[in-house]
């Protein structure tokens, strides 16, 4: 994307998405989906952009839920700027909380993306 080869970037992103959807490697998956989100935002493709952001968010929340609620690494992970950017861009902050409550039985209600 740095060289503004948008067609090439689209192809590589599509290949990366196929790979991360085939193999559940959440750390790579959230980054691929977040990159796709940025790409689609740049190309003014709103629906694919939001779908990619939502997939990145889902991966991030699964990673966060792998830590205990009071684990400092969890808070550090969720507050990292790239993570906060993805979570902060969600349609509503409550959506992240609802996903956490659904996935962990409500144990982590206080965890949300920083605004």
N, C-alpha and C. Protein backbone atom coordinates (compact mmCIF):
# COMPACT_ATOMS: atom_id res chain seq x y z
N UNK A 1 0.82 -1.18 0.00
CA UNK A 1 0.00 0.00 0.00
C UNK A 1 0.87 1.25 0.00
N UNK A 2 2.07 1.13 0.54
CA UNK A 2 2.96 2.28 0.61
C UNK A 2 3.31 2.78 -0.79
N UNK A 3 3.38 1.89 -1.75
CA UNK A 3 3.70 2.28 -3.11
C UNK A 3 2.45 2.60 -3.92
N UNK A 4 1.30 2.62 -3.26
CA UNK A 4 0.00 2.91 -3.86
C UNK A 4 -0.37 1.94 -4.98
N UNK A 5 0.03 0.71 -4.84
CA UNK A 5 -0.38 -0.37 -5.74
C UNK A 5 -1.64 -0.98 -5.13
N UNK A 6 -2.76 -0.30 -5.33
CA UNK A 6 -4.00 -0.70 -4.66
C UNK A 6 -4.51 -2.06 -5.12
N UNK A 7 -4.36 -2.38 -6.39
CA UNK A 7 -4.81 -3.69 -6.88
C UNK A 7 -3.95 -4.80 -6.28
N UNK A 8 -2.65 -4.58 -6.25
CA UNK A 8 -1.75 -5.57 -5.65
C UNK A 8 -2.02 -5.72 -4.16
N UNK A 9 -2.24 -4.60 -3.49
CA UNK A 9 -2.55 -4.64 -2.05
C UNK A 9 -3.84 -5.41 -1.81
N UNK A 10 -4.85 -5.19 -2.64
CA UNK A 10 -6.12 -5.90 -2.50
C UNK A 10 -5.91 -7.41 -2.64
N UNK A 11 -5.13 -7.81 -3.62
CA UNK A 11 -4.88 -9.24 -3.83
C UNK A 11 -4.16 -9.86 -2.64
N UNK A 12 -3.13 -9.19 -2.15
CA UNK A 12 -2.38 -9.73 -1.01
C UNK A 12 -3.24 -9.78 0.25
N UNK A 13 -4.05 -8.76 0.46
CA UNK A 13 -4.94 -8.77 1.62
C UNK A 13 -5.95 -9.91 1.53
N UNK A 14 -6.50 -10.13 0.35
CA UNK A 14 -7.46 -11.23 0.17
C UNK A 14 -6.79 -12.57 0.45
N UNK A 15 -5.56 -12.74 0.00
CA UNK A 15 -4.83 -13.98 0.27
C UNK A 15 -4.56 -14.14 1.77
N UNK A 16 -4.19 -13.05 2.42
CA UNK A 16 -3.93 -13.10 3.86
C UNK A 16 -5.18 -13.44 4.64
N UNK A 17 -6.32 -12.88 4.23
CA UNK A 17 -7.59 -13.18 4.90
C UNK A 17 -7.93 -14.66 4.76
N UNK A 18 -7.73 -15.21 3.59
CA UNK A 18 -7.99 -16.64 3.39
C UNK A 18 -7.14 -17.48 4.34
N UNK A 19 -5.89 -17.12 4.47
CA UNK A 19 -4.98 -17.88 5.35
C UNK A 19 -5.41 -17.78 6.80
N UNK A 20 -5.69 -16.56 7.29
CA UNK A 20 -6.02 -16.43 8.71
C UNK A 20 -7.40 -17.00 9.04
N UNK A 21 -8.26 -17.11 8.04
CA UNK A 21 -9.56 -17.73 8.28
C UNK A 21 -9.46 -19.26 8.27
N UNK A 22 -8.45 -19.78 7.57
CA UNK A 22 -8.25 -21.23 7.52
C UNK A 22 -7.58 -21.73 8.80
N UNK A 23 -6.63 -20.98 9.30
CA UNK A 23 -5.87 -21.36 10.49
C UNK A 23 -6.17 -20.34 11.58
N UNK A 24 -6.62 -20.79 12.72
CA UNK A 24 -6.97 -19.86 13.79
C UNK A 24 -5.71 -19.41 14.54
N UNK A 25 -5.09 -18.39 14.02
CA UNK A 25 -3.94 -17.75 14.66
C UNK A 25 -4.40 -16.32 14.94
N UNK A 26 -4.98 -16.13 16.11
CA UNK A 26 -5.66 -14.88 16.43
C UNK A 26 -4.75 -13.67 16.38
N UNK A 27 -3.51 -13.82 16.80
CA UNK A 27 -2.59 -12.68 16.82
C UNK A 27 -2.35 -12.17 15.39
N UNK A 28 -2.21 -13.08 14.45
CA UNK A 28 -2.05 -12.67 13.05
C UNK A 28 -3.39 -12.22 12.47
N UNK A 29 -4.45 -12.90 12.82
CA UNK A 29 -5.77 -12.62 12.23
C UNK A 29 -6.25 -11.21 12.53
N UNK A 30 -6.13 -10.77 13.77
CA UNK A 30 -6.64 -9.43 14.07
C UNK A 30 -5.86 -8.38 13.28
N UNK A 31 -4.56 -8.61 13.08
CA UNK A 31 -3.74 -7.64 12.36
C UNK A 31 -4.08 -7.62 10.87
N UNK A 32 -4.33 -8.79 10.30
CA UNK A 32 -4.71 -8.86 8.89
C UNK A 32 -6.06 -8.17 8.69
N UNK A 33 -7.02 -8.48 9.56
CA UNK A 33 -8.34 -7.86 9.43
C UNK A 33 -8.28 -6.35 9.67
N UNK A 34 -7.44 -5.92 10.61
CA UNK A 34 -7.30 -4.48 10.86
C UNK A 34 -6.66 -3.78 9.65
N UNK A 35 -5.72 -4.44 9.02
CA UNK A 35 -5.10 -3.88 7.81
C UNK A 35 -6.13 -3.80 6.68
N UNK A 36 -6.95 -4.85 6.55
CA UNK A 36 -8.01 -4.83 5.54
C UNK A 36 -8.99 -3.70 5.83
N UNK A 37 -9.32 -3.49 7.10
CA UNK A 37 -10.21 -2.39 7.49
C UNK A 37 -9.65 -1.06 7.01
N UNK A 38 -8.36 -0.83 7.29
CA UNK A 38 -7.73 0.42 6.85
C UNK A 38 -7.73 0.56 5.33
N UNK A 39 -7.46 -0.55 4.65
CA UNK A 39 -7.46 -0.53 3.18
C UNK A 39 -8.83 -0.15 2.65
N UNK A 40 -9.87 -0.81 3.13
CA UNK A 40 -11.22 -0.54 2.65
C UNK A 40 -11.69 0.86 3.03
N UNK A 41 -11.26 1.35 4.17
CA UNK A 41 -11.59 2.74 4.52
C UNK A 41 -10.95 3.69 3.51
N UNK A 42 -9.70 3.40 3.17
CA UNK A 42 -9.00 4.26 2.22
C UNK A 42 -9.66 4.24 0.84
N UNK A 43 -10.15 3.07 0.43
CA UNK A 43 -10.78 2.94 -0.89
C UNK A 43 -12.27 3.26 -0.84
N UNK A 44 -12.74 3.75 0.30
CA UNK A 44 -14.14 4.19 0.48
C UNK A 44 -15.14 3.06 0.30
N UNK A 45 -14.76 1.85 0.74
CA UNK A 45 -15.66 0.70 0.69
C UNK A 45 -16.14 0.43 2.12
N UNK A 46 -17.22 1.10 2.49
CA UNK A 46 -17.66 1.11 3.88
C UNK A 46 -18.08 -0.25 4.42
N UNK A 47 -18.85 -1.01 3.66
CA UNK A 47 -19.32 -2.30 4.17
C UNK A 47 -18.18 -3.29 4.38
N UNK A 48 -17.29 -3.49 3.41
CA UNK A 48 -16.15 -4.38 3.67
C UNK A 48 -15.25 -3.85 4.78
N UNK A 49 -15.15 -2.53 4.89
CA UNK A 49 -14.32 -1.95 5.95
C UNK A 49 -14.88 -2.33 7.32
N UNK A 50 -16.17 -2.13 7.52
CA UNK A 50 -16.77 -2.45 8.82
C UNK A 50 -16.74 -3.94 9.09
N UNK A 51 -16.93 -4.76 8.06
CA UNK A 51 -16.86 -6.22 8.26
C UNK A 51 -15.46 -6.62 8.70
N UNK A 52 -14.44 -6.04 8.09
CA UNK A 52 -13.06 -6.35 8.47
C UNK A 52 -12.76 -5.87 9.87
N UNK A 53 -13.23 -4.67 10.21
CA UNK A 53 -13.02 -4.16 11.56
C UNK A 53 -13.72 -5.05 12.58
N UNK A 54 -14.90 -5.51 12.26
CA UNK A 54 -15.62 -6.40 13.16
C UNK A 54 -14.90 -7.73 13.37
N UNK A 55 -14.31 -8.27 12.31
CA UNK A 55 -13.55 -9.51 12.46
C UNK A 55 -12.29 -9.28 13.29
N UNK A 56 -11.64 -8.13 13.08
CA UNK A 56 -10.46 -7.79 13.90
C UNK A 56 -10.87 -7.68 15.37
N UNK A 57 -11.98 -7.01 15.62
CA UNK A 57 -12.48 -6.86 16.99
C UNK A 57 -12.77 -8.21 17.63
N UNK A 58 -13.40 -9.10 16.89
CA UNK A 58 -13.73 -10.43 17.43
C UNK A 58 -12.45 -11.18 17.83
N UNK A 59 -11.44 -11.09 16.99
CA UNK A 59 -10.15 -11.75 17.32
C UNK A 59 -9.53 -11.14 18.56
N UNK A 60 -9.55 -9.81 18.63
CA UNK A 60 -8.98 -9.10 19.77
C UNK A 60 -9.69 -9.52 21.06
N UNK A 61 -11.00 -9.60 21.01
CA UNK A 61 -11.76 -9.96 22.21
C UNK A 61 -11.52 -11.41 22.63
N UNK A 62 -11.31 -12.29 21.65
CA UNK A 62 -10.97 -13.67 22.00
C UNK A 62 -9.62 -13.73 22.70
N UNK A 63 -8.67 -12.95 22.20
CA UNK A 63 -7.36 -12.91 22.85
C UNK A 63 -7.51 -12.35 24.26
N UNK A 64 -8.24 -11.26 24.39
CA UNK A 64 -8.43 -10.64 25.71
C UNK A 64 -9.09 -11.62 26.67
N UNK A 65 -10.04 -12.39 26.19
CA UNK A 65 -10.74 -13.34 27.05
C UNK A 65 -9.88 -14.54 27.43
N UNK A 66 -8.73 -14.69 26.82
CA UNK A 66 -7.84 -15.78 27.20
C UNK A 66 -7.05 -15.43 28.46
N UNK A 67 -7.10 -14.17 28.88
CA UNK A 67 -6.46 -13.71 30.11
C UNK A 67 -7.48 -13.60 31.23
N UNK A 68 -7.02 -13.78 32.44
CA UNK A 68 -7.89 -13.53 33.60
C UNK A 68 -8.23 -12.05 33.64
N UNK A 69 -9.40 -11.74 34.18
CA UNK A 69 -9.89 -10.37 34.22
C UNK A 69 -8.90 -9.41 34.88
N UNK A 70 -8.24 -9.86 35.92
CA UNK A 70 -7.32 -9.00 36.65
C UNK A 70 -5.87 -9.12 36.19
N UNK A 71 -5.63 -9.82 35.12
CA UNK A 71 -4.28 -9.99 34.58
C UNK A 71 -3.80 -8.68 33.97
N UNK A 72 -2.66 -8.14 34.43
CA UNK A 72 -2.16 -6.88 33.89
C UNK A 72 -1.90 -6.92 32.38
N UNK A 73 -1.51 -8.08 31.86
CA UNK A 73 -1.28 -8.18 30.41
C UNK A 73 -2.56 -7.93 29.61
N UNK A 74 -3.70 -8.34 30.18
CA UNK A 74 -4.99 -8.11 29.52
C UNK A 74 -5.24 -6.61 29.35
N UNK A 75 -5.08 -5.87 30.44
CA UNK A 75 -5.30 -4.42 30.40
C UNK A 75 -4.30 -3.75 29.46
N UNK A 76 -3.05 -4.20 29.50
CA UNK A 76 -2.03 -3.65 28.64
C UNK A 76 -2.35 -3.92 27.16
N UNK A 77 -2.78 -5.14 26.87
CA UNK A 77 -3.15 -5.51 25.50
C UNK A 77 -4.31 -4.65 25.01
N UNK A 78 -5.36 -4.54 25.81
CA UNK A 78 -6.55 -3.79 25.39
C UNK A 78 -6.30 -2.29 25.25
N UNK A 79 -5.30 -1.78 25.95
CA UNK A 79 -5.04 -0.35 25.87
C UNK A 79 -3.96 0.01 24.84
N UNK A 80 -3.35 -0.98 24.23
CA UNK A 80 -2.33 -0.71 23.20
C UNK A 80 -2.98 0.09 22.06
N UNK A 81 -2.31 1.12 21.56
CA UNK A 81 -2.92 1.98 20.54
C UNK A 81 -3.54 1.26 19.33
N UNK A 82 -2.87 0.26 18.72
CA UNK A 82 -3.51 -0.39 17.57
C UNK A 82 -4.80 -1.13 17.96
N UNK A 83 -4.81 -1.71 19.16
CA UNK A 83 -5.99 -2.42 19.63
C UNK A 83 -7.11 -1.43 19.94
N UNK A 84 -6.75 -0.38 20.66
CA UNK A 84 -7.73 0.64 21.02
C UNK A 84 -8.35 1.29 19.78
N UNK A 85 -7.56 1.43 18.73
CA UNK A 85 -8.07 2.02 17.48
C UNK A 85 -9.17 1.14 16.90
N UNK A 86 -8.94 -0.16 16.86
CA UNK A 86 -9.95 -1.09 16.31
C UNK A 86 -11.19 -1.10 17.20
N UNK A 87 -10.99 -1.25 18.50
CA UNK A 87 -12.13 -1.33 19.41
C UNK A 87 -12.86 0.00 19.52
N UNK A 88 -12.12 1.08 19.50
CA UNK A 88 -12.74 2.40 19.61
C UNK A 88 -13.55 2.78 18.39
N UNK A 89 -13.32 2.12 17.28
CA UNK A 89 -14.05 2.44 16.05
C UNK A 89 -15.34 1.67 15.92
N UNK A 90 -15.65 0.80 16.89
CA UNK A 90 -16.88 0.03 16.79
C UNK A 90 -18.08 0.96 16.81
N UNK A 91 -19.17 0.51 16.21
CA UNK A 91 -20.38 1.32 16.09
C UNK A 91 -20.81 1.84 17.46
N UNK A 92 -20.75 0.98 18.47
CA UNK A 92 -21.01 1.43 19.84
C UNK A 92 -20.07 0.69 20.77
N UNK A 93 -19.70 1.37 21.82
CA UNK A 93 -18.83 0.75 22.81
C UNK A 93 -19.54 -0.40 23.50
N UNK A 94 -20.84 -0.32 23.63
CA UNK A 94 -21.62 -1.37 24.27
C UNK A 94 -21.51 -2.69 23.52
N UNK A 95 -21.34 -2.64 22.22
CA UNK A 95 -21.25 -3.87 21.43
C UNK A 95 -20.09 -4.72 21.92
N UNK A 96 -18.95 -4.09 22.21
CA UNK A 96 -17.80 -4.83 22.72
C UNK A 96 -18.12 -5.46 24.06
N UNK A 97 -18.81 -4.72 24.90
CA UNK A 97 -19.19 -5.26 26.20
C UNK A 97 -20.14 -6.43 26.05
N UNK A 98 -21.09 -6.34 25.14
CA UNK A 98 -22.04 -7.43 24.93
C UNK A 98 -21.32 -8.68 24.44
N UNK A 99 -20.36 -8.53 23.55
CA UNK A 99 -19.61 -9.68 23.05
C UNK A 99 -18.85 -10.32 24.20
N UNK A 100 -18.20 -9.51 25.02
CA UNK A 100 -17.47 -10.06 26.16
C UNK A 100 -18.41 -10.80 27.10
N UNK A 101 -19.57 -10.22 27.38
CA UNK A 101 -20.52 -10.85 28.29
C UNK A 101 -21.02 -12.17 27.72
N UNK A 102 -21.26 -12.20 26.42
CA UNK A 102 -21.74 -13.42 25.78
C UNK A 102 -20.68 -14.51 25.82
N UNK A 103 -19.45 -14.15 25.52
CA UNK A 103 -18.39 -15.13 25.41
C UNK A 103 -17.88 -15.63 26.77
N UNK A 104 -18.01 -14.79 27.80
CA UNK A 104 -17.43 -15.23 29.08
C UNK A 104 -18.44 -15.25 30.22
N UNK A 105 -19.71 -15.25 29.88
CA UNK A 105 -20.74 -15.35 30.91
C UNK A 105 -20.86 -14.11 31.78
N UNK A 106 -20.39 -12.96 31.31
CA UNK A 106 -20.53 -11.73 32.06
C UNK A 106 -19.42 -11.45 33.06
N UNK A 107 -18.39 -12.28 33.11
CA UNK A 107 -17.31 -12.09 34.08
C UNK A 107 -16.52 -10.80 33.83
N UNK A 108 -16.47 -10.35 32.58
CA UNK A 108 -15.58 -9.25 32.23
C UNK A 108 -16.35 -7.99 31.78
N UNK A 109 -17.40 -7.68 32.44
CA UNK A 109 -18.24 -6.55 32.04
C UNK A 109 -17.49 -5.22 32.02
N UNK A 110 -16.48 -5.07 32.83
CA UNK A 110 -15.80 -3.79 32.93
C UNK A 110 -14.77 -3.58 31.83
N UNK A 111 -14.48 -4.59 31.06
CA UNK A 111 -13.46 -4.48 30.02
C UNK A 111 -14.08 -3.95 28.75
N UNK A 112 -13.58 -2.86 28.30
CA UNK A 112 -14.04 -2.27 27.05
C UNK A 112 -12.88 -1.50 26.46
N UNK A 113 -13.04 -1.14 25.22
CA UNK A 113 -11.99 -0.39 24.56
C UNK A 113 -11.96 1.03 25.12
N UNK A 114 -10.79 1.56 25.27
CA UNK A 114 -10.70 2.96 25.66
C UNK A 114 -11.29 3.82 24.56
N UNK A 115 -11.93 4.92 24.87
CA UNK A 115 -12.52 5.77 23.83
C UNK A 115 -11.49 6.35 22.89
